[in-house]
Amino acid sequence: MISMIIGLFAISEVLKGLEEKRSTKKHVKIKGVFPTKKDISVSKYPIIRGSLLVFFLGVLPGISATITSFLSYDLEKKVSKHPEKFGKGAIEGIAGPESANNATSSGGFIPLLSLGIPASPPLAVLLAALMIYGLTPGPILFEQNSEMVWLVIASMFIGNVILLVLNLPLVGLWAKLTEVPFGILAPIILLISILGAYSVRNSMFDVVVAIIFGVLGYVFNKYQWPIIPFVLCSVLGPKIESSFLQSMEMSSGNLLIFIQRPISLTILLVAVVFLIFSVFLMKRTKNRILQETGEQMEFS
């Protein structure tokens, strides 16, 4: 599983970057990164609205940061007394969407820890790590491994503080990294990925697996096929198959068992409603992006 994750998310990016012939960015001196009192005063309500918006949408698996950012931007533009300033540097159009963007990362832990459904590639990697260590996300996780759950919750607070320390004072340093030629970064990333795959079990087989899935991930990216469902199926596939066989044994092969019980029927109906609502949000966001930027965007 670790080799597969390394291939899909690291080696595939190297291959993608080589094809795109990524070039370095000209360094621009960055100044004035700290907000003024006026900026904070104007931004406080957009920050609250953006965070609350994602809090209620966080229960929907698959809601990406792109969708929540555009929904927040749309909301701020509608409630603003001066909507004509949006698109011309209005700080409300930055504070709201960025708050929604950041809150999406935390909100994704709701379906991950309660249902075992990752909403983004990083959470898919985290799910794989939990499964490797024998931790099954769901209600049982909160009962049997409550210490780990509270550790994850505490890490969110600590992580935000660390991000402030790293991002604001060192923003110039991170911008400087864009000047490193990709021809230098690519071999370093590839070397670290291969060493990481090999160090798991000291096996060249794991390295070969990482390379194979790296090529597969490159193909997925090239044709804009989503990687998260592939990872999700790889992680949860065996458990789903085992549970399905148990259900078939209990019902003597009758598939109606999944709709005859009130609990299972309710879960299936809720899943269908969430799916329809998610598709509606994605289509609405695509139209919004097309209107604002004139560009067609694909969501995975």
C-alpha atoms as a PDB file:
ATOM      1  CA  MET A   1       0.000   0.000   0.000  1.00  0.00           C
ATOM      2  CA  ILE A   2       2.788   2.467   0.869  1.00  0.00           C
ATOM      3  CA  SER A   3       4.572   1.759  -2.419  1.00  0.00           C
ATOM      4  CA  MET A   4       1.315   2.284  -4.300  1.00  0.00           C
ATOM      5  CA  ILE A   5       0.733   5.643  -2.565  1.00  0.00           C
ATOM      6  CA  ILE A   6       4.316   6.780  -3.303  1.00  0.00           C
ATOM      7  CA  GLY A   7       3.907   5.869  -6.956  1.00  0.00           C
ATOM      8  CA  LEU A   8       0.494   7.491  -7.414  1.00  0.00           C
ATOM      9  CA  PHE A   9       1.239  10.779  -5.663  1.00  0.00           C
ATOM     10  CA  ALA A  10       5.028  11.298  -5.959  1.00  0.00           C
ATOM     11  CA  ILE A  11       6.524   9.512  -8.945  1.00  0.00           C
ATOM     12  CA  SER A  12       3.525  10.397 -11.136  1.00  0.00           C
ATOM     13  CA  GLU A  13       4.069  14.094 -10.368  1.00  0.00           C
ATOM     14  CA  VAL A  14       7.694  13.813 -11.467  1.00  0.00           C
ATOM     15  CA  LEU A  15       6.611  12.282 -14.776  1.00  0.00           C
ATOM     16  CA  LYS A  16       3.924  14.919 -15.181  1.00  0.00           C
ATOM     17  CA  GLY A  17       6.421  17.715 -14.499  1.00  0.00           C
ATOM     18  CA  LEU A  18       8.907  16.354 -17.026  1.00  0.00           C
ATOM     19  CA  GLU A  19       6.211  16.253 -19.700  1.00  0.00           C
ATOM     20  CA  GLU A  20       5.128  19.825 -18.944  1.00  0.00           C
ATOM     21  CA  LYS A  21       8.772  21.035 -18.999  1.00  0.00           C
ATOM     22  CA  ARG A  22       8.183  23.125 -15.895  1.00  0.00           C
ATOM     23  CA  SER A  23      10.299  26.240 -15.734  1.00  0.00           C
ATOM     24  CA  THR A  24      11.462  28.321 -12.779  1.00  0.00           C
ATOM     25  CA  LYS A  25       9.562  31.403 -11.682  1.00  0.00           C
ATOM     26  CA  LYS A  26      11.151  34.823 -11.479  1.00  0.00           C
ATOM     27  CA  HIS A  27      11.547  35.806  -7.839  1.00  0.00           C
ATOM     28  CA  VAL A  28       9.552  38.833  -6.711  1.00  0.00           C
ATOM     29  CA  LYS A  29      10.270  40.531  -3.418  1.00  0.00           C
ATOM     30  CA  ILE A  30       7.369  39.930  -1.042  1.00  0.00           C
ATOM     31  CA  LYS A  31       6.434  42.524   1.541  1.00  0.00           C
ATOM     32  CA  GLY A  32       3.436  43.524   3.626  1.00  0.00           C
ATOM     33  CA  VAL A  33       2.295  39.984   4.432  1.00  0.00           C
ATOM     34  CA  PHE A  34       0.899  40.879   7.866  1.00  0.00           C
ATOM     35  CA  PRO A  35      -2.704  42.192   7.837  1.00  0.00           C
ATOM     36  CA  THR A  36      -3.487  45.646   9.169  1.00  0.00           C
ATOM     37  CA  LYS A  37      -6.174  46.408  11.751  1.00  0.00           C
ATOM     38  CA  LYS A  38      -8.454  47.541   8.941  1.00  0.00           C
ATOM     39  CA  ASP A  39      -7.886  44.302   7.053  1.00  0.00           C
ATOM     40  CA  ILE A  40      -8.759  42.257  10.144  1.00  0.00           C
ATOM     41  CA  SER A  41     -11.888  44.337  10.813  1.00  0.00           C
ATOM     42  CA  VAL A  42     -13.148  43.920   7.257  1.00  0.00           C
ATOM     43  CA  SER A  43     -12.234  40.223   7.098  1.00  0.00           C
ATOM     44  CA  LYS A  44     -13.650  38.940  10.394  1.00  0.00           C
ATOM     45  CA  TYR A  45     -17.184  38.251   9.166  1.00  0.00           C
ATOM     46  CA  PRO A  46     -16.097  36.690   5.833  1.00  0.00           C
ATOM     47  CA  ILE A  47     -13.744  34.432   7.814  1.00  0.00           C
ATOM     48  CA  ILE A  48     -16.598  33.337  10.103  1.00  0.00           C
ATOM     49  CA  ARG A  49     -18.996  32.783   7.188  1.00  0.00           C
ATOM     50  CA  GLY A  50     -16.412  30.854   5.165  1.00  0.00           C
ATOM     51  CA  SER A  51     -15.578  28.608   8.112  1.00  0.00           C
ATOM     52  CA  LEU A  52     -19.234  27.930   9.005  1.00  0.00           C
ATOM     53  CA  LEU A  53     -20.088  27.206   5.371  1.00  0.00           C
ATOM     54  CA  VAL A  54     -17.515  24.407   5.214  1.00  0.00           C
ATOM     55  CA  PHE A  55     -18.482  23.148   8.661  1.00  0.00           C
ATOM     56  CA  PHE A  56     -21.954  22.241   7.384  1.00  0.00           C
ATOM     57  CA  LEU A  57     -20.626  20.976   4.042  1.00  0.00           C
ATOM     58  CA  GLY A  58     -17.898  18.937   5.715  1.00  0.00           C
ATOM     59  CA  VAL A  59     -20.220  15.966   6.159  1.00  0.00           C
ATOM     60  CA  LEU A  60     -20.457  15.604   2.374  1.00  0.00           C
ATOM     61  CA  PRO A  61     -17.736  13.260   1.106  1.00  0.00           C
ATOM     62  CA  GLY A  62     -15.923  14.521  -1.963  1.00  0.00           C
ATOM     63  CA  ILE A  63     -16.488  18.253  -1.391  1.00  0.00           C
ATOM     64  CA  SER A  64     -13.159  19.677  -2.548  1.00  0.00           C
ATOM     65  CA  ALA A  65     -11.462  22.929  -1.555  1.00  0.00           C
ATOM     66  CA  THR A  66     -12.146  24.321  -5.043  1.00  0.00           C
ATOM     67  CA  ILE A  67     -15.889  23.921  -4.614  1.00  0.00           C
ATOM     68  CA  THR A  68     -16.015  25.426  -1.110  1.00  0.00           C
ATOM     69  CA  SER A  69     -13.783  28.356  -2.136  1.00  0.00           C
ATOM     70  CA  PHE A  70     -16.051  29.342  -5.023  1.00  0.00           C
ATOM     71  CA  LEU A  71     -19.174  28.865  -2.904  1.00  0.00           C
ATOM     72  CA  SER A  72     -17.696  31.157  -0.254  1.00  0.00           C
ATOM     73  CA  TYR A  73     -16.681  33.739  -2.872  1.00  0.00           C
ATOM     74  CA  ASP A  74     -20.186  33.659  -4.325  1.00  0.00           C
ATOM     75  CA  LEU A  75     -21.675  34.093  -0.841  1.00  0.00           C
ATOM     76  CA  GLU A  76     -19.435  37.062   0.020  1.00  0.00           C
ATOM     77  CA  LYS A  77     -20.233  38.781  -3.259  1.00  0.00           C
ATOM     78  CA  LYS A  78     -23.970  38.419  -2.640  1.00  0.00           C
ATOM     79  CA  VAL A  79     -23.910  39.723   0.952  1.00  0.00           C
ATOM     80  CA  SER A  80     -21.446  42.546   0.229  1.00  0.00           C
ATOM     81  CA  LYS A  81     -22.671  46.144   0.063  1.00  0.00           C
ATOM     82  CA  HIS A  82     -20.119  46.812  -2.673  1.00  0.00           C
ATOM     83  CA  PRO A  83     -20.093  43.743  -4.967  1.00  0.00           C
ATOM     84  CA  GLU A  84     -18.507  45.821  -7.726  1.00  0.00           C
ATOM     85  CA  LYS A  85     -15.199  45.727  -5.804  1.00  0.00           C
ATOM     86  CA  PHE A  86     -14.948  41.955  -6.183  1.00  0.00           C
ATOM     87  CA  GLY A  87     -12.454  40.972  -8.836  1.00  0.00           C
ATOM     88  CA  LYS A  88     -10.516  44.186  -8.172  1.00  0.00           C
ATOM     89  CA  GLY A  89      -8.734  43.239  -4.959  1.00  0.00           C
ATOM     90  CA  ALA A  90     -11.519  43.204  -2.347  1.00  0.00           C
ATOM     91  CA  ILE A  91     -10.069  41.542   0.740  1.00  0.00           C
ATOM     92  CA  GLU A  92     -13.436  39.946   1.547  1.00  0.00           C
ATOM     93  CA  GLY A  93     -13.096  37.954  -1.672  1.00  0.00           C
ATOM     94  CA  ILE A  94      -9.829  36.544  -0.329  1.00  0.00           C
ATOM     95  CA  ALA A  95     -10.576  36.092   3.383  1.00  0.00           C
ATOM     96  CA  GLY A  96     -13.814  34.132   2.897  1.00  0.00           C
ATOM     97  CA  PRO A  97     -12.631  31.666   0.236  1.00  0.00           C
ATOM     98  CA  GLU A  98      -9.286  31.114   1.974  1.00  0.00           C
ATOM     99  CA  SER A  99     -11.058  30.390   5.268  1.00  0.00           C
ATOM    100  CA  ALA A 100     -13.289  27.925   3.437  1.00  0.00           C
ATOM    101  CA  ASN A 101     -10.240  26.425   1.725  1.00  0.00           C
ATOM    102  CA  ASN A 102      -8.442  25.862   5.032  1.00  0.00           C
ATOM    103  CA  ALA A 103     -11.573  24.619   6.797  1.00  0.00           C
ATOM    104  CA  THR A 104     -12.090  22.028   4.051  1.00  0.00           C
ATOM    105  CA  SER A 105      -8.950  20.221   5.210  1.00  0.00           C
ATOM    106  CA  SER A 106     -10.323  19.887   8.735  1.00  0.00           C
ATOM    107  CA  GLY A 107     -13.887  19.227   7.587  1.00  0.00           C
ATOM    108  CA  GLY A 108     -12.648  16.290   5.511  1.00  0.00           C
ATOM    109  CA  PHE A 109     -11.819  14.472   8.754  1.00  0.00           C
ATOM    110  CA  ILE A 110     -15.556  14.144   9.503  1.00  0.00           C
ATOM    111  CA  PRO A 111     -16.341  11.573   6.758  1.00  0.00           C
ATOM    112  CA  LEU A 112     -12.827  10.124   7.090  1.00  0.00           C
ATOM    113  CA  LEU A 113     -12.955   9.252  10.793  1.00  0.00           C
ATOM    114  CA  SER A 114     -16.693   8.501  10.962  1.00  0.00           C
ATOM    115  CA  LEU A 115     -17.209   6.639   7.661  1.00  0.00           C
ATOM    116  CA  GLY A 116     -13.718   5.892   6.348  1.00  0.00           C
ATOM    117  CA  ILE A 117     -14.263   8.013   3.213  1.00  0.00           C
ATOM    118  CA  PRO A 118     -11.378  10.343   2.263  1.00  0.00           C
ATOM    119  CA  ALA A 119     -12.271  13.620   0.560  1.00  0.00           C
ATOM    120  CA  SER A 120      -8.826  14.472  -0.826  1.00  0.00           C
ATOM    121  CA  PRO A 121      -5.535  12.789  -1.820  1.00  0.00           C
ATOM    122  CA  PRO A 122      -3.797  13.653   1.508  1.00  0.00           C
ATOM    123  CA  LEU A 123      -6.706  12.147   3.453  1.00  0.00           C
ATOM    124  CA  ALA A 124      -6.597   9.071   1.211  1.00  0.00           C
ATOM    125  CA  VAL A 125      -2.940   8.652   2.177  1.00  0.00           C
ATOM    126  CA  LEU A 126      -3.878   9.107   5.851  1.00  0.00           C
ATOM    127  CA  LEU A 127      -6.623   6.477   5.503  1.00  0.00           C
ATOM    128  CA  ALA A 128      -4.105   4.049   4.040  1.00  0.00           C
ATOM    129  CA  ALA A 129      -1.746   4.734   6.952  1.00  0.00           C
ATOM    130  CA  LEU A 130      -4.516   4.079   9.484  1.00  0.00           C
ATOM    131  CA  MET A 131      -5.437   0.806   7.776  1.00  0.00           C
ATOM    132  CA  ILE A 132      -1.796  -0.303   7.681  1.00  0.00           C
ATOM    133  CA  TYR A 133      -1.581   0.100  11.464  1.00  0.00           C
ATOM    134  CA  GLY A 134      -4.826  -1.784  11.985  1.00  0.00           C
ATOM    135  CA  LEU A 135      -6.993   1.262  12.768  1.00  0.00           C
ATOM    136  CA  THR A 136     -10.393   1.083  11.072  1.00  0.00           C
ATOM    137  CA  PRO A 137     -12.131   4.490  10.812  1.00  0.00           C
ATOM    138  CA  GLY A 138     -15.670   4.480  12.165  1.00  0.00           C
ATOM    139  CA  PRO A 139     -17.524   4.513  15.502  1.00  0.00           C
ATOM    140  CA  ILE A 140     -15.350   1.650  16.793  1.00  0.00           C
ATOM    141  CA  LEU A 141     -12.263   3.828  16.316  1.00  0.00           C
ATOM    142  CA  PHE A 142     -13.633   6.362  18.816  1.00  0.00           C
ATOM    143  CA  GLU A 143     -14.344   3.614  21.340  1.00  0.00           C
ATOM    144  CA  GLN A 144     -11.201   1.511  21.045  1.00  0.00           C
ATOM    145  CA  ASN A 145      -8.612   4.159  20.066  1.00  0.00           C
ATOM    146  CA  SER A 146      -9.934   7.378  21.554  1.00  0.00           C
ATOM    147  CA  GLU A 147      -6.395   8.520  22.410  1.00  0.00           C
ATOM    148  CA  MET A 148      -5.466   8.514  18.720  1.00  0.00           C
ATOM    149  CA  VAL A 149      -8.624  10.434  17.785  1.00  0.00           C
ATOM    150  CA  TRP A 150      -7.936  13.159  20.334  1.00  0.00           C
ATOM    151  CA  LEU A 151      -4.330  13.245  19.170  1.00  0.00           C
ATOM    152  CA  VAL A 152      -5.533  13.994  15.632  1.00  0.00           C
ATOM    153  CA  ILE A 153      -7.851  16.731  16.936  1.00  0.00           C
ATOM    154  CA  ALA A 154      -5.051  18.282  19.001  1.00  0.00           C
ATOM    155  CA  SER A 155      -2.704  18.160  16.001  1.00  0.00           C
ATOM    156  CA  MET A 156      -5.100  20.437  14.097  1.00  0.00           C
ATOM    157  CA  PHE A 157      -4.653  23.214  16.673  1.00  0.00           C
ATOM    158  CA  ILE A 158      -0.893  22.690  16.882  1.00  0.00           C
ATOM    159  CA  GLY A 159      -0.599  22.472  13.099  1.00  0.00           C
ATOM    160  CA  ASN A 160      -2.320  25.836  12.583  1.00  0.00           C
ATOM    161  CA  VAL A 161       0.070  27.522  15.009  1.00  0.00           C
ATOM    162  CA  ILE A 162       3.066  25.925  13.270  1.00  0.00           C
ATOM    163  CA  LEU A 163       1.709  27.044   9.887  1.00  0.00           C
ATOM    164  CA  LEU A 164       1.560  30.650  11.091  1.00  0.00           C
ATOM    165  CA  VAL A 165       5.137  30.432  12.335  1.00  0.00           C
ATOM    166  CA  LEU A 166       6.394  28.872   9.104  1.00  0.00           C
ATOM    167  CA  ASN A 167       4.312  30.722   6.524  1.00  0.00           C
ATOM    168  CA  LEU A 168       4.362  34.395   7.459  1.00  0.00           C
ATOM    169  CA  PRO A 169       7.993  34.984   8.523  1.00  0.00           C
ATOM    170  CA  LEU A 170       9.443  32.497   6.008  1.00  0.00           C
ATOM    171  CA  VAL A 171       7.210  33.242   3.018  1.00  0.00           C
ATOM    172  CA  GLY A 172      10.208  34.661   1.138  1.00  0.00           C
ATOM    173  CA  LEU A 173      12.123  31.415   1.607  1.00  0.00           C
ATOM    174  CA  TRP A 174       9.278  29.283   0.241  1.00  0.00           C
ATOM    175  CA  ALA A 175       8.912  31.622  -2.743  1.00  0.00           C
ATOM    176  CA  LYS A 176      12.639  31.206  -3.354  1.00  0.00           C
ATOM    177  CA  LEU A 177      12.107  27.459  -3.885  1.00  0.00           C
ATOM    178  CA  THR A 178      10.244  28.214  -7.102  1.00  0.00           C
ATOM    179  CA  GLU A 179      13.575  29.352  -8.568  1.00  0.00           C
ATOM    180  CA  VAL A 180      15.052  25.851  -8.247  1.00  0.00           C
ATOM    181  CA  PRO A 181      15.028  24.253 -11.724  1.00  0.00           C
ATOM    182  CA  PHE A 182      12.690  21.286 -11.991  1.00  0.00           C
ATOM    183  CA  GLY A 183      15.553  19.395 -13.597  1.00  0.00           C
ATOM    184  CA  ILE A 184      17.227  19.450 -10.168  1.00  0.00           C
ATOM    185  CA  LEU A 185      14.080  18.865  -8.095  1.00  0.00           C
ATOM    186  CA  ALA A 186      12.817  15.917 -10.171  1.00  0.00           C
ATOM    187  CA  PRO A 187      15.820  13.580  -9.527  1.00  0.00           C
ATOM    188  CA  ILE A 188      15.763  14.474  -5.809  1.00  0.00           C
ATOM    189  CA  ILE A 189      12.034  13.701  -5.522  1.00  0.00           C
ATOM    190  CA  LEU A 190      12.491  10.490  -7.493  1.00  0.00           C
ATOM    191  CA  LEU A 191      15.438   9.389  -5.332  1.00  0.00           C
ATOM    192  CA  ILE A 192      13.571  10.047  -2.070  1.00  0.00           C
ATOM    193  CA  SER A 193      10.489   8.215  -3.405  1.00  0.00           C
ATOM    194  CA  ILE A 194      12.485   5.117  -4.400  1.00  0.00           C
ATOM    195  CA  LEU A 195      14.368   5.083  -1.090  1.00  0.00           C
ATOM    196  CA  GLY A 196      11.073   5.436   0.785  1.00  0.00           C
ATOM    197  CA  ALA A 197       9.497   2.535  -1.095  1.00  0.00           C
ATOM    198  CA  TYR A 198      12.582   0.343  -0.573  1.00  0.00           C
ATOM    199  CA  SER A 199      12.954   1.115   3.148  1.00  0.00           C
ATOM    200  CA  VAL A 200       9.501  -0.240   4.054  1.00  0.00           C
ATOM    201  CA  ARG A 201      10.562  -3.906   3.737  1.00  0.00           C
ATOM    202  CA  ASN A 202      14.029  -3.612   2.152  1.00  0.00           C
ATOM    203  CA  SER A 203      12.563  -5.148  -0.991  1.00  0.00           C
ATOM    204  CA  MET A 204      13.129  -4.243  -4.631  1.00  0.00           C
ATOM    205  CA  PHE A 205       9.647  -5.588  -5.322  1.00  0.00           C
ATOM    206  CA  ASP A 206       8.208  -2.558  -3.496  1.00  0.00           C
ATOM    207  CA  VAL A 207      10.311  -0.264  -5.692  1.00  0.00           C
ATOM    208  CA  VAL A 208       8.952  -1.930  -8.831  1.00  0.00           C
ATOM    209  CA  VAL A 209       5.402  -1.568  -7.481  1.00  0.00           C
ATOM    210  CA  ALA A 210       5.999   2.153  -6.830  1.00  0.00           C
ATOM    211  CA  ILE A 211       7.315   2.690 -10.372  1.00  0.00           C
ATOM    212  CA  ILE A 212       4.396   0.783 -11.946  1.00  0.00           C
ATOM    213  CA  PHE A 213       1.830   2.796 -10.000  1.00  0.00           C
ATOM    214  CA  GLY A 214       3.784   5.968 -10.776  1.00  0.00           C
ATOM    215  CA  VAL A 215       3.255   5.335 -14.486  1.00  0.00           C
ATOM    216  CA  LEU A 216      -0.381   4.454 -13.777  1.00  0.00           C
ATOM    217  CA  GLY A 217      -0.851   7.692 -11.820  1.00  0.00           C
ATOM    218  CA  TYR A 218       0.692   9.623 -14.709  1.00  0.00           C
ATOM    219  CA  VAL A 219      -1.862   8.077 -17.070  1.00  0.00           C
ATOM    220  CA  PHE A 220      -4.659   8.968 -14.629  1.00  0.00           C
ATOM    221  CA  ASN A 221      -3.497  12.605 -14.499  1.00  0.00           C
ATOM    222  CA  LYS A 222      -3.073  12.811 -18.263  1.00  0.00           C
ATOM    223  CA  TYR A 223      -6.655  11.735 -18.930  1.00  0.00           C
ATOM    224  CA  GLN A 224      -8.031  13.542 -15.825  1.00  0.00           C
ATOM    225  CA  TRP A 225      -9.199  10.363 -14.129  1.00  0.00           C
ATOM    226  CA  PRO A 226      -9.599  10.716 -10.338  1.00  0.00           C
ATOM    227  CA  ILE A 227      -7.049   8.881  -8.216  1.00  0.00           C
ATOM    228  CA  ILE A 228      -8.922   9.009  -4.891  1.00  0.00           C
ATOM    229  CA  PRO A 229     -11.578   6.376  -5.833  1.00  0.00           C
ATOM    230  CA  PHE A 230      -8.764   4.077  -6.984  1.00  0.00           C
ATOM    231  CA  VAL A 231      -6.967   4.404  -3.636  1.00  0.00           C
ATOM    232  CA  LEU A 232     -10.243   4.070  -1.742  1.00  0.00           C
ATOM    233  CA  CYS A 233     -11.103   0.839  -3.563  1.00  0.00           C
ATOM    234  CA  SER A 234      -7.619  -0.550  -2.912  1.00  0.00           C
ATOM    235  CA  VAL A 235      -7.873   0.190   0.819  1.00  0.00           C
ATOM    236  CA  LEU A 236     -11.522  -0.703   1.479  1.00  0.00           C
ATOM    237  CA  GLY A 237     -12.014  -3.288  -1.281  1.00  0.00           C
ATOM    238  CA  PRO A 238     -11.089  -6.370   0.805  1.00  0.00           C
ATOM    239  CA  LYS A 239     -13.276  -5.231   3.717  1.00  0.00           C
ATOM    240  CA  ILE A 240     -16.217  -4.480   1.418  1.00  0.00           C
ATOM    241  CA  GLU A 241     -15.879  -7.897  -0.198  1.00  0.00           C
ATOM    242  CA  SER A 242     -15.737  -9.628   3.189  1.00  0.00           C
ATOM    243  CA  SER A 243     -18.813  -7.748   4.452  1.00  0.00           C
ATOM    244  CA  PHE A 244     -20.689  -8.458   1.207  1.00  0.00           C
ATOM    245  CA  LEU A 245     -20.005 -12.208   1.490  1.00  0.00           C
ATOM    246  CA  GLN A 246     -21.194 -12.180   5.112  1.00  0.00           C
ATOM    247  CA  SER A 247     -24.426 -10.459   4.045  1.00  0.00           C
ATOM    248  CA  MET A 248     -24.962 -12.997   1.266  1.00  0.00           C
ATOM    249  CA  GLU A 249     -24.487 -15.879   3.719  1.00  0.00           C
ATOM    250  CA  MET A 250     -26.983 -14.318   6.125  1.00  0.00           C
ATOM    251  CA  SER A 251     -29.612 -13.851   3.391  1.00  0.00           C
ATOM    252  CA  SER A 252     -28.914 -17.064   1.444  1.00  0.00           C
ATOM    253  CA  GLY A 253     -27.844 -15.025  -1.579  1.00  0.00           C
ATOM    254  CA  ASN A 254     -30.781 -12.590  -1.529  1.00  0.00           C
ATOM    255  CA  LEU A 255     -29.657  -9.059  -2.500  1.00  0.00           C
ATOM    256  CA  LEU A 256     -32.844  -7.582  -1.038  1.00  0.00           C
ATOM    257  CA  ILE A 257     -31.228  -7.804   2.392  1.00  0.00           C
ATOM    258  CA  PHE A 258     -29.698  -4.370   1.766  1.00  0.00           C
ATOM    259  CA  ILE A 259     -33.104  -2.678   1.440  1.00  0.00           C
ATOM    260  CA  GLN A 260     -35.215  -4.815   3.759  1.00  0.00           C
ATOM    261  CA  ARG A 261     -33.546  -3.549   6.926  1.00  0.00           C
ATOM    262  CA  PRO A 262     -34.439   0.059   7.968  1.00  0.00           C
ATOM    263  CA  ILE A 263     -30.855   0.992   8.913  1.00  0.00           C
ATOM    264  CA  SER A 264     -29.223  -0.220   5.700  1.00  0.00           C
ATOM    265  CA  LEU A 265     -32.022   1.274   3.579  1.00  0.00           C
ATOM    266  CA  THR A 266     -31.630   4.646   5.306  1.00  0.00           C
ATOM    267  CA  ILE A 267     -27.864   4.618   4.777  1.00  0.00           C
ATOM    268  CA  LEU A 268     -28.298   3.833   1.072  1.00  0.00           C
ATOM    269  CA  LEU A 269     -30.894   6.595   0.625  1.00  0.00           C
ATOM    270  CA  VAL A 270     -28.716   9.139   2.432  1.00  0.00           C
ATOM    271  CA  ALA A 271     -25.757   8.112   0.241  1.00  0.00           C
ATOM    272  CA  VAL A 272     -27.853   8.670  -2.908  1.00  0.00           C
ATOM    273  CA  VAL A 273     -28.993  12.094  -1.662  1.00  0.00           C
ATOM    274  CA  PHE A 274     -25.398  13.109  -0.863  1.00  0.00           C
ATOM    275  CA  LEU A 275     -24.268  11.908  -4.287  1.00  0.00           C
ATOM    276  CA  ILE A 276     -26.940  13.929  -6.104  1.00  0.00           C
ATOM    277  CA  PHE A 277     -26.218  17.003  -3.979  1.00  0.00           C
ATOM    278  CA  SER A 278     -22.468  16.704  -4.630  1.00  0.00           C
ATOM    279  CA  VAL A 279     -23.022  16.444  -8.400  1.00  0.00           C
ATOM    280  CA  PHE A 280     -25.289  19.514  -8.242  1.00  0.00           C
ATOM    281  CA  LEU A 281     -22.639  21.504  -6.337  1.00  0.00           C
ATOM    282  CA  MET A 282     -19.902  20.523  -8.786  1.00  0.00           C
ATOM    283  CA  LYS A 283     -21.984  21.512 -11.823  1.00  0.00           C
ATOM    284  CA  ARG A 284     -22.951  24.804 -10.192  1.00  0.00           C
ATOM    285  CA  THR A 285     -19.319  25.549  -9.353  1.00  0.00           C
ATOM    286  CA  LYS A 286     -18.187  24.707 -12.894  1.00  0.00           C
ATOM    287  CA  ASN A 287     -20.695  27.194 -14.287  1.00  0.00           C
ATOM    288  CA  ARG A 288     -19.572  29.789 -11.757  1.00  0.00           C
ATOM    289  CA  ILE A 289     -15.900  29.334 -12.686  1.00  0.00           C
ATOM    290  CA  LEU A 290     -16.785  29.562 -16.368  1.00  0.00           C
ATOM    291  CA  GLN A 291     -18.634  32.840 -15.781  1.00  0.00           C
ATOM    292  CA  GLU A 292     -15.886  34.364 -13.617  1.00  0.00           C
ATOM    293  CA  THR A 293     -12.775  33.259 -15.487  1.00  0.00           C
ATOM    294  CA  GLY A 294     -13.992  32.001 -18.840  1.00  0.00           C
ATOM    295  CA  GLU A 295     -12.133  28.741 -18.230  1.00  0.00           C
ATOM    296  CA  GLN A 296     -13.600  25.252 -18.076  1.00  0.00           C
ATOM    297  CA  MET A 297     -12.400  23.391 -14.992  1.00  0.00           C
ATOM    298  CA  GLU A 298     -12.521  19.644 -14.406  1.00  0.00           C
ATOM    299  CA  PHE A 299     -13.112  18.227 -10.920  1.00  0.00           C
ATOM    300  CA  SER A 300     -11.822  14.801  -9.912  1.00  0.00           C
END
